[in-house]
Amino acid sequence: MSTTELDMHHESASRPLDEATRKGIADLLEKASPLLQGRRFHNIVDLLSLASDAVDMADDAMIQKLMKAYEESIGAAWTLGNAARFAANEASRKPTPSLLGLLRSAGDEDVRRGLHFALLFLAVLGRQTHDEPA
């Protein structure tokens, strides 16, 4: 800081605060007192420090990867949501099929593709639970 900036900072720091500012600070301190007394305010400072470190470490490639992962997860959630809404609407409009009717629906290529996906998904989940030590 230059000398002029220091003089201006000192001048503004020594000027008395107006009533609204003093009341605001007093309200803030009253609200923060449980955090300060319970030493929970330290956790907030640690969290801010962690966020600051993450910002410092973030480079363009990391941001791009995070954005891509976010977009893919939003796309997957949107697709699943649409499929669930469509299936719920179809199920509410059509009568419950018999067992034979369920077997007939397996003749539909889309149904078989969906069943194949579900079975592969479950196989991956089963493999991951099997590999985890108990």
N, C-alpha and C. Protein backbone atom coordinates (compact mmCIF):
# COMPACT_ATOMS: atom_id res chain seq x y z
N MET A 1 0.83 -1.18 0.00
CA MET A 1 0.00 0.00 0.00
C MET A 1 0.88 1.24 0.00
N SER A 2 0.40 2.23 -0.72
CA SER A 2 1.13 3.49 -0.72
C SER A 2 0.80 4.27 0.56
N THR A 3 1.55 5.33 0.80
CA THR A 3 1.34 6.14 2.00
C THR A 3 -0.06 6.75 1.99
N THR A 4 -0.50 7.19 0.82
CA THR A 4 -1.83 7.79 0.70
C THR A 4 -2.91 6.76 1.03
N GLU A 5 -2.73 5.54 0.51
CA GLU A 5 -3.70 4.48 0.79
C GLU A 5 -3.72 4.13 2.27
N LEU A 6 -2.53 4.09 2.90
CA LEU A 6 -2.47 3.81 4.33
C LEU A 6 -3.16 4.90 5.14
N ASP A 7 -2.95 6.16 4.74
CA ASP A 7 -3.59 7.27 5.45
C ASP A 7 -5.11 7.17 5.31
N MET A 8 -5.60 6.85 4.11
CA MET A 8 -7.04 6.74 3.89
C MET A 8 -7.61 5.56 4.70
N HIS A 9 -6.87 4.43 4.73
CA HIS A 9 -7.32 3.27 5.49
C HIS A 9 -7.37 3.59 6.98
N HIS A 10 -6.32 4.25 7.49
CA HIS A 10 -6.28 4.62 8.91
C HIS A 10 -7.40 5.59 9.25
N GLU A 11 -7.64 6.53 8.34
CA GLU A 11 -8.70 7.53 8.57
C GLU A 11 -10.07 6.87 8.62
N SER A 12 -10.33 5.89 7.70
CA SER A 12 -11.64 5.23 7.70
C SER A 12 -11.78 4.28 8.89
N ALA A 13 -10.66 3.71 9.36
CA ALA A 13 -10.71 2.80 10.50
C ALA A 13 -10.94 3.55 11.80
N SER A 14 -10.46 4.80 11.90
CA SER A 14 -10.61 5.55 13.15
C SER A 14 -11.94 6.30 13.20
N ARG A 15 -12.65 6.39 12.09
CA ARG A 15 -13.94 7.09 12.06
C ARG A 15 -14.97 6.25 12.81
N PRO A 16 -15.80 6.86 13.64
CA PRO A 16 -16.79 6.10 14.39
C PRO A 16 -17.83 5.50 13.44
N LEU A 17 -18.31 4.31 13.81
CA LEU A 17 -19.30 3.62 12.99
C LEU A 17 -20.68 4.21 13.25
N ASP A 18 -21.50 4.23 12.21
CA ASP A 18 -22.86 4.72 12.42
C ASP A 18 -23.66 3.68 13.21
N GLU A 19 -24.83 4.08 13.67
CA GLU A 19 -25.64 3.25 14.56
C GLU A 19 -26.07 1.95 13.88
N ALA A 20 -26.45 2.00 12.61
CA ALA A 20 -26.91 0.79 11.91
C ALA A 20 -25.78 -0.23 11.78
N THR A 21 -24.56 0.25 11.53
CA THR A 21 -23.42 -0.66 11.41
C THR A 21 -23.11 -1.30 12.76
N ARG A 22 -23.11 -0.49 13.83
CA ARG A 22 -22.85 -1.04 15.16
C ARG A 22 -23.90 -2.08 15.53
N LYS A 23 -25.17 -1.79 15.24
CA LYS A 23 -26.24 -2.73 15.55
C LYS A 23 -26.07 -4.01 14.73
N GLY A 24 -25.70 -3.87 13.46
CA GLY A 24 -25.48 -5.04 12.62
C GLY A 24 -24.35 -5.92 13.13
N ILE A 25 -23.26 -5.29 13.56
CA ILE A 25 -22.12 -6.05 14.10
C ILE A 25 -22.51 -6.74 15.40
N ALA A 26 -23.26 -6.04 16.25
CA ALA A 26 -23.70 -6.63 17.52
C ALA A 26 -24.61 -7.83 17.26
N ASP A 27 -25.53 -7.71 16.30
CA ASP A 27 -26.41 -8.83 15.95
C ASP A 27 -25.61 -10.01 15.41
N LEU A 28 -24.63 -9.71 14.56
CA LEU A 28 -23.80 -10.77 13.99
C LEU A 28 -23.01 -11.50 15.08
N LEU A 29 -22.42 -10.74 16.00
CA LEU A 29 -21.67 -11.36 17.09
C LEU A 29 -22.58 -12.19 17.99
N GLU A 30 -23.79 -11.71 18.25
CA GLU A 30 -24.73 -12.47 19.07
C GLU A 30 -25.10 -13.79 18.38
N LYS A 31 -25.32 -13.72 17.08
CA LYS A 31 -25.69 -14.92 16.34
C LYS A 31 -24.51 -15.90 16.24
N ALA A 32 -23.29 -15.37 16.14
CA ALA A 32 -22.11 -16.22 16.00
C ALA A 32 -21.56 -16.71 17.34
N SER A 33 -22.06 -16.17 18.45
CA SER A 33 -21.48 -16.54 19.74
C SER A 33 -21.54 -18.03 20.05
N PRO A 34 -22.63 -18.77 19.72
CA PRO A 34 -22.60 -20.22 19.97
C PRO A 34 -21.50 -20.93 19.17
N LEU A 35 -21.27 -20.44 17.95
CA LEU A 35 -20.20 -21.03 17.13
C LEU A 35 -18.83 -20.75 17.75
N LEU A 36 -18.66 -19.55 18.24
CA LEU A 36 -17.38 -19.19 18.85
C LEU A 36 -17.17 -19.92 20.17
N GLN A 37 -18.21 -19.99 21.00
CA GLN A 37 -18.09 -20.63 22.31
C GLN A 37 -17.87 -22.13 22.18
N GLY A 38 -18.51 -22.74 21.23
CA GLY A 38 -18.37 -24.19 21.04
C GLY A 38 -17.20 -24.57 20.14
N ARG A 39 -16.41 -23.59 19.75
CA ARG A 39 -15.26 -23.79 18.87
C ARG A 39 -15.66 -24.40 17.54
N ARG A 40 -16.95 -24.24 17.17
CA ARG A 40 -17.42 -24.74 15.89
C ARG A 40 -17.07 -23.77 14.77
N PHE A 41 -16.81 -22.53 15.11
CA PHE A 41 -16.39 -21.55 14.11
C PHE A 41 -15.09 -21.98 13.45
N HIS A 42 -14.27 -22.73 14.18
CA HIS A 42 -13.02 -23.25 13.63
C HIS A 42 -13.31 -24.15 12.42
N ASN A 43 -14.39 -24.93 12.51
CA ASN A 43 -14.76 -25.82 11.40
C ASN A 43 -15.11 -25.01 10.15
N ILE A 44 -15.78 -23.89 10.34
CA ILE A 44 -16.14 -23.04 9.21
C ILE A 44 -14.89 -22.46 8.56
N VAL A 45 -13.95 -22.02 9.39
CA VAL A 45 -12.69 -21.49 8.87
C VAL A 45 -11.93 -22.59 8.13
N ASP A 46 -11.91 -23.82 8.68
CA ASP A 46 -11.24 -24.93 8.01
C ASP A 46 -11.90 -25.24 6.67
N LEU A 47 -13.23 -25.18 6.62
CA LEU A 47 -13.95 -25.44 5.38
C LEU A 47 -13.63 -24.37 4.34
N LEU A 48 -13.57 -23.11 4.76
CA LEU A 48 -13.20 -22.04 3.84
C LEU A 48 -11.77 -22.22 3.35
N SER A 49 -10.89 -22.66 4.22
CA SER A 49 -9.51 -22.92 3.83
C SER A 49 -9.42 -24.03 2.80
N LEU A 50 -10.21 -25.09 3.02
CA LEU A 50 -10.26 -26.20 2.08
C LEU A 50 -10.77 -25.73 0.72
N ALA A 51 -11.82 -24.92 0.72
CA ALA A 51 -12.36 -24.40 -0.53
C ALA A 51 -11.33 -23.52 -1.23
N SER A 52 -10.62 -22.72 -0.46
CA SER A 52 -9.59 -21.87 -1.03
C SER A 52 -8.47 -22.70 -1.65
N ASP A 53 -8.06 -23.76 -0.95
CA ASP A 53 -7.03 -24.65 -1.51
C ASP A 53 -7.49 -25.30 -2.80
N ALA A 54 -8.76 -25.70 -2.85
CA ALA A 54 -9.29 -26.33 -4.06
C ALA A 54 -9.27 -25.35 -5.23
N VAL A 55 -9.61 -24.09 -4.96
CA VAL A 55 -9.58 -23.07 -6.01
C VAL A 55 -8.14 -22.85 -6.47
N ASP A 56 -7.20 -22.81 -5.53
CA ASP A 56 -5.79 -22.62 -5.89
C ASP A 56 -5.26 -23.77 -6.74
N MET A 57 -5.69 -25.00 -6.43
CA MET A 57 -5.17 -26.16 -7.15
C MET A 57 -5.86 -26.38 -8.49
N ALA A 58 -7.04 -25.83 -8.66
CA ALA A 58 -7.83 -26.07 -9.87
C ALA A 58 -7.15 -25.43 -11.07
N ASP A 59 -6.89 -26.25 -12.07
CA ASP A 59 -6.40 -25.72 -13.32
C ASP A 59 -7.49 -25.92 -14.37
N ASP A 60 -7.26 -25.44 -15.57
CA ASP A 60 -8.28 -25.49 -16.61
C ASP A 60 -8.68 -26.92 -16.94
N ALA A 61 -7.72 -27.84 -16.98
CA ALA A 61 -8.04 -29.23 -17.31
C ALA A 61 -8.94 -29.85 -16.25
N MET A 62 -8.66 -29.55 -14.97
CA MET A 62 -9.49 -30.10 -13.89
C MET A 62 -10.90 -29.54 -13.96
N ILE A 63 -11.02 -28.24 -14.23
CA ILE A 63 -12.34 -27.62 -14.35
C ILE A 63 -13.11 -28.25 -15.51
N GLN A 64 -12.44 -28.47 -16.63
CA GLN A 64 -13.11 -29.08 -17.79
C GLN A 64 -13.59 -30.50 -17.47
N LYS A 65 -12.77 -31.27 -16.76
CA LYS A 65 -13.17 -32.63 -16.37
C LYS A 65 -14.37 -32.59 -15.44
N LEU A 66 -14.35 -31.69 -14.46
CA LEU A 66 -15.47 -31.57 -13.53
C LEU A 66 -16.74 -31.14 -14.26
N MET A 67 -16.61 -30.22 -15.21
CA MET A 67 -17.78 -29.77 -15.97
C MET A 67 -18.34 -30.91 -16.82
N LYS A 68 -17.46 -31.70 -17.42
CA LYS A 68 -17.92 -32.83 -18.23
C LYS A 68 -18.63 -33.87 -17.36
N ALA A 69 -18.05 -34.17 -16.20
CA ALA A 69 -18.68 -35.13 -15.29
C ALA A 69 -20.03 -34.62 -14.82
N TYR A 70 -20.13 -33.33 -14.54
CA TYR A 70 -21.39 -32.74 -14.12
C TYR A 70 -22.43 -32.86 -15.23
N GLU A 71 -22.06 -32.49 -16.46
CA GLU A 71 -22.98 -32.57 -17.58
C GLU A 71 -23.44 -34.00 -17.83
N GLU A 72 -22.52 -34.96 -17.73
CA GLU A 72 -22.90 -36.35 -17.95
C GLU A 72 -23.84 -36.85 -16.86
N SER A 73 -23.59 -36.45 -15.62
CA SER A 73 -24.47 -36.91 -14.53
C SER A 73 -25.85 -36.27 -14.65
N ILE A 74 -25.92 -35.01 -15.04
CA ILE A 74 -27.20 -34.35 -15.24
C ILE A 74 -27.95 -35.00 -16.40
N GLY A 75 -27.23 -35.34 -17.47
CA GLY A 75 -27.85 -36.01 -18.61
C GLY A 75 -28.39 -37.38 -18.24
N ALA A 76 -27.62 -38.11 -17.45
CA ALA A 76 -28.07 -39.44 -17.02
C ALA A 76 -29.29 -39.33 -16.11
N ALA A 77 -29.29 -38.37 -15.20
CA ALA A 77 -30.44 -38.18 -14.31
C ALA A 77 -31.67 -37.77 -15.11
N TRP A 78 -31.49 -36.92 -16.10
CA TRP A 78 -32.61 -36.49 -16.95
C TRP A 78 -33.17 -37.68 -17.73
N THR A 79 -32.29 -38.50 -18.28
CA THR A 79 -32.72 -39.67 -19.04
C THR A 79 -33.48 -40.65 -18.15
N LEU A 80 -32.93 -40.93 -16.96
CA LEU A 80 -33.60 -41.83 -16.03
C LEU A 80 -34.95 -41.28 -15.59
N GLY A 81 -35.00 -40.00 -15.33
CA GLY A 81 -36.26 -39.37 -14.92
C GLY A 81 -37.32 -39.48 -16.01
N ASN A 82 -36.93 -39.20 -17.24
CA ASN A 82 -37.87 -39.31 -18.36
C ASN A 82 -38.34 -40.74 -18.54
N ALA A 83 -37.42 -41.69 -18.46
CA ALA A 83 -37.80 -43.10 -18.63
C ALA A 83 -38.76 -43.53 -17.52
N ALA A 84 -38.49 -43.10 -16.30
CA ALA A 84 -39.36 -43.47 -15.18
C ALA A 84 -40.75 -42.86 -15.34
N ARG A 85 -40.81 -41.58 -15.74
CA ARG A 85 -42.12 -40.94 -15.95
C ARG A 85 -42.90 -41.62 -17.07
N PHE A 86 -42.22 -41.93 -18.17
CA PHE A 86 -42.88 -42.58 -19.30
C PHE A 86 -43.39 -43.96 -18.88
N ALA A 87 -42.54 -44.74 -18.20
CA ALA A 87 -42.94 -46.08 -17.78
C ALA A 87 -44.10 -46.01 -16.78
N ALA A 88 -44.07 -45.06 -15.86
CA ALA A 88 -45.15 -44.93 -14.89
C ALA A 88 -46.45 -44.56 -15.59
N ASN A 89 -46.38 -43.69 -16.58
CA ASN A 89 -47.57 -43.30 -17.34
C ASN A 89 -48.13 -44.49 -18.12
N GLU A 90 -47.25 -45.24 -18.78
CA GLU A 90 -47.68 -46.42 -19.54
C GLU A 90 -48.27 -47.48 -18.62
N ALA A 91 -47.64 -47.70 -17.48
CA ALA A 91 -48.12 -48.73 -16.55
C ALA A 91 -49.48 -48.35 -15.98
N SER A 92 -49.72 -47.05 -15.78
CA SER A 92 -51.01 -46.63 -15.23
C SER A 92 -52.13 -46.71 -16.27
N ARG A 93 -51.78 -46.62 -17.56
CA ARG A 93 -52.79 -46.65 -18.61
C ARG A 93 -53.13 -48.06 -19.07
N LYS A 94 -52.21 -48.97 -18.94
CA LYS A 94 -52.41 -50.33 -19.45
C LYS A 94 -52.74 -51.28 -18.30
N PRO A 95 -53.49 -52.34 -18.59
CA PRO A 95 -53.78 -53.33 -17.54
C PRO A 95 -52.52 -54.11 -17.18
N THR A 96 -52.50 -54.64 -15.97
CA THR A 96 -51.36 -55.43 -15.51
C THR A 96 -51.30 -56.71 -16.35
N PRO A 97 -50.14 -56.99 -16.97
CA PRO A 97 -50.06 -58.17 -17.83
C PRO A 97 -49.98 -59.46 -17.01
N SER A 98 -50.42 -60.54 -17.64
CA SER A 98 -50.28 -61.85 -17.02
C SER A 98 -48.83 -62.30 -17.16
N LEU A 99 -48.50 -63.42 -16.55
CA LEU A 99 -47.13 -63.94 -16.70
C LEU A 99 -46.81 -64.22 -18.16
N LEU A 100 -47.79 -64.77 -18.87
CA LEU A 100 -47.59 -65.04 -20.29
C LEU A 100 -47.41 -63.72 -21.05
N GLY A 101 -48.17 -62.69 -20.65
CA GLY A 101 -48.03 -61.38 -21.28
C GLY A 101 -46.65 -60.78 -21.03
N LEU A 102 -46.11 -61.01 -19.84
CA LEU A 102 -44.74 -60.55 -19.56
C LEU A 102 -43.74 -61.25 -20.45
N LEU A 103 -43.91 -62.54 -20.64
CA LEU A 103 -43.01 -63.29 -21.54
C LEU A 103 -43.14 -62.79 -22.97
N ARG A 104 -44.37 -62.46 -23.39
CA ARG A 104 -44.56 -61.93 -24.75
C ARG A 104 -43.85 -60.59 -24.91
N SER A 105 -43.89 -59.75 -23.85
CA SER A 105 -43.22 -58.45 -23.95
C SER A 105 -41.71 -58.60 -24.10
N ALA A 106 -41.17 -59.75 -23.67
CA ALA A 106 -39.74 -59.99 -23.85
C ALA A 106 -39.39 -60.19 -25.31
N GLY A 107 -40.39 -60.38 -26.17
CA GLY A 107 -40.15 -60.47 -27.62
C GLY A 107 -39.79 -59.14 -28.23
N ASP A 108 -40.11 -58.04 -27.52
CA ASP A 108 -39.78 -56.70 -28.01
C ASP A 108 -38.27 -56.46 -27.84
N GLU A 109 -37.64 -56.01 -28.91
CA GLU A 109 -36.18 -55.80 -28.88
C GLU A 109 -35.78 -54.77 -27.83
N ASP A 110 -36.57 -53.71 -27.67
CA ASP A 110 -36.25 -52.69 -26.67
C ASP A 110 -36.33 -53.26 -25.26
N VAL A 111 -37.30 -54.12 -25.00
CA VAL A 111 -37.42 -54.76 -23.70
C VAL A 111 -36.20 -55.64 -23.44
N ARG A 112 -35.82 -56.40 -24.44
CA ARG A 112 -34.65 -57.28 -24.27
C ARG A 112 -33.38 -56.45 -24.05
N ARG A 113 -33.25 -55.35 -24.77
CA ARG A 113 -32.08 -54.48 -24.60
C ARG A 113 -32.07 -53.91 -23.17
N GLY A 114 -33.23 -53.47 -22.68
CA GLY A 114 -33.32 -52.95 -21.32
C GLY A 114 -33.02 -54.01 -20.28
N LEU A 115 -33.54 -55.22 -20.47
CA LEU A 115 -33.25 -56.33 -19.55
C LEU A 115 -31.77 -56.68 -19.56
N HIS A 116 -31.20 -56.68 -20.75
CA HIS A 116 -29.76 -56.98 -20.87
C HIS A 116 -28.93 -55.94 -20.11
N PHE A 117 -29.28 -54.66 -20.29
CA PHE A 117 -28.60 -53.59 -19.56
C PHE A 117 -28.75 -53.80 -18.05
N ALA A 118 -29.97 -54.07 -17.61
CA ALA A 118 -30.23 -54.24 -16.17
C ALA A 118 -29.43 -55.41 -15.61
N LEU A 119 -29.37 -56.51 -16.36
CA LEU A 119 -28.62 -57.67 -15.89
C LEU A 119 -27.13 -57.40 -15.84
N LEU A 120 -26.60 -56.71 -16.86
CA LEU A 120 -25.18 -56.34 -16.84
C LEU A 120 -24.88 -55.40 -15.68
N PHE A 121 -25.76 -54.44 -15.44
CA PHE A 121 -25.60 -53.50 -14.33
C PHE A 121 -25.57 -54.24 -13.00
N LEU A 122 -26.51 -55.16 -12.83
CA LEU A 122 -26.55 -55.94 -11.59
C LEU A 122 -25.32 -56.84 -11.45
N ALA A 123 -24.81 -57.35 -12.57
CA ALA A 123 -23.60 -58.18 -12.51
C ALA A 123 -22.41 -57.35 -12.02
N VAL A 124 -22.30 -56.12 -12.51
CA VAL A 124 -21.20 -55.25 -12.06
C VAL A 124 -21.34 -54.95 -10.58
N LEU A 125 -22.57 -54.64 -10.12
CA LEU A 125 -22.78 -54.40 -8.69
C LEU A 125 -22.42 -55.64 -7.87
N GLY A 126 -22.84 -56.81 -8.35
CA GLY A 126 -22.53 -58.04 -7.64
C GLY A 126 -21.04 -58.30 -7.58
N ARG A 127 -20.35 -58.02 -8.66
CA ARG A 127 -18.89 -58.21 -8.70
C ARG A 127 -18.22 -57.28 -7.69
N GLN A 128 -18.68 -56.04 -7.63
CA GLN A 128 -18.07 -55.07 -6.71
C GLN A 128 -18.34 -55.45 -5.26
N THR A 129 -19.50 -55.96 -4.95
CA THR A 129 -19.77 -56.36 -3.57
C THR A 129 -19.02 -57.62 -3.21
N HIS A 130 -18.78 -58.48 -4.20
CA HIS A 130 -18.03 -59.71 -3.94
C HIS A 130 -16.56 -59.42 -3.67
N ASP A 131 -16.00 -58.43 -4.38
CA ASP A 131 -14.58 -58.08 -4.23
C ASP A 131 -14.28 -57.33 -2.95
N GLU A 132 -15.29 -56.71 -2.33
CA GLU A 132 -15.05 -55.96 -1.11
C GLU A 132 -14.84 -56.92 0.06
N PRO A 133 -13.79 -56.67 0.86
CA PRO A 133 -13.57 -57.52 2.03
C PRO A 133 -14.64 -57.27 3.08
N ALA A 134 -15.05 -58.32 3.73
CA ALA A 134 -16.11 -58.18 4.75
C ALA A 134 -15.53 -57.82 6.09
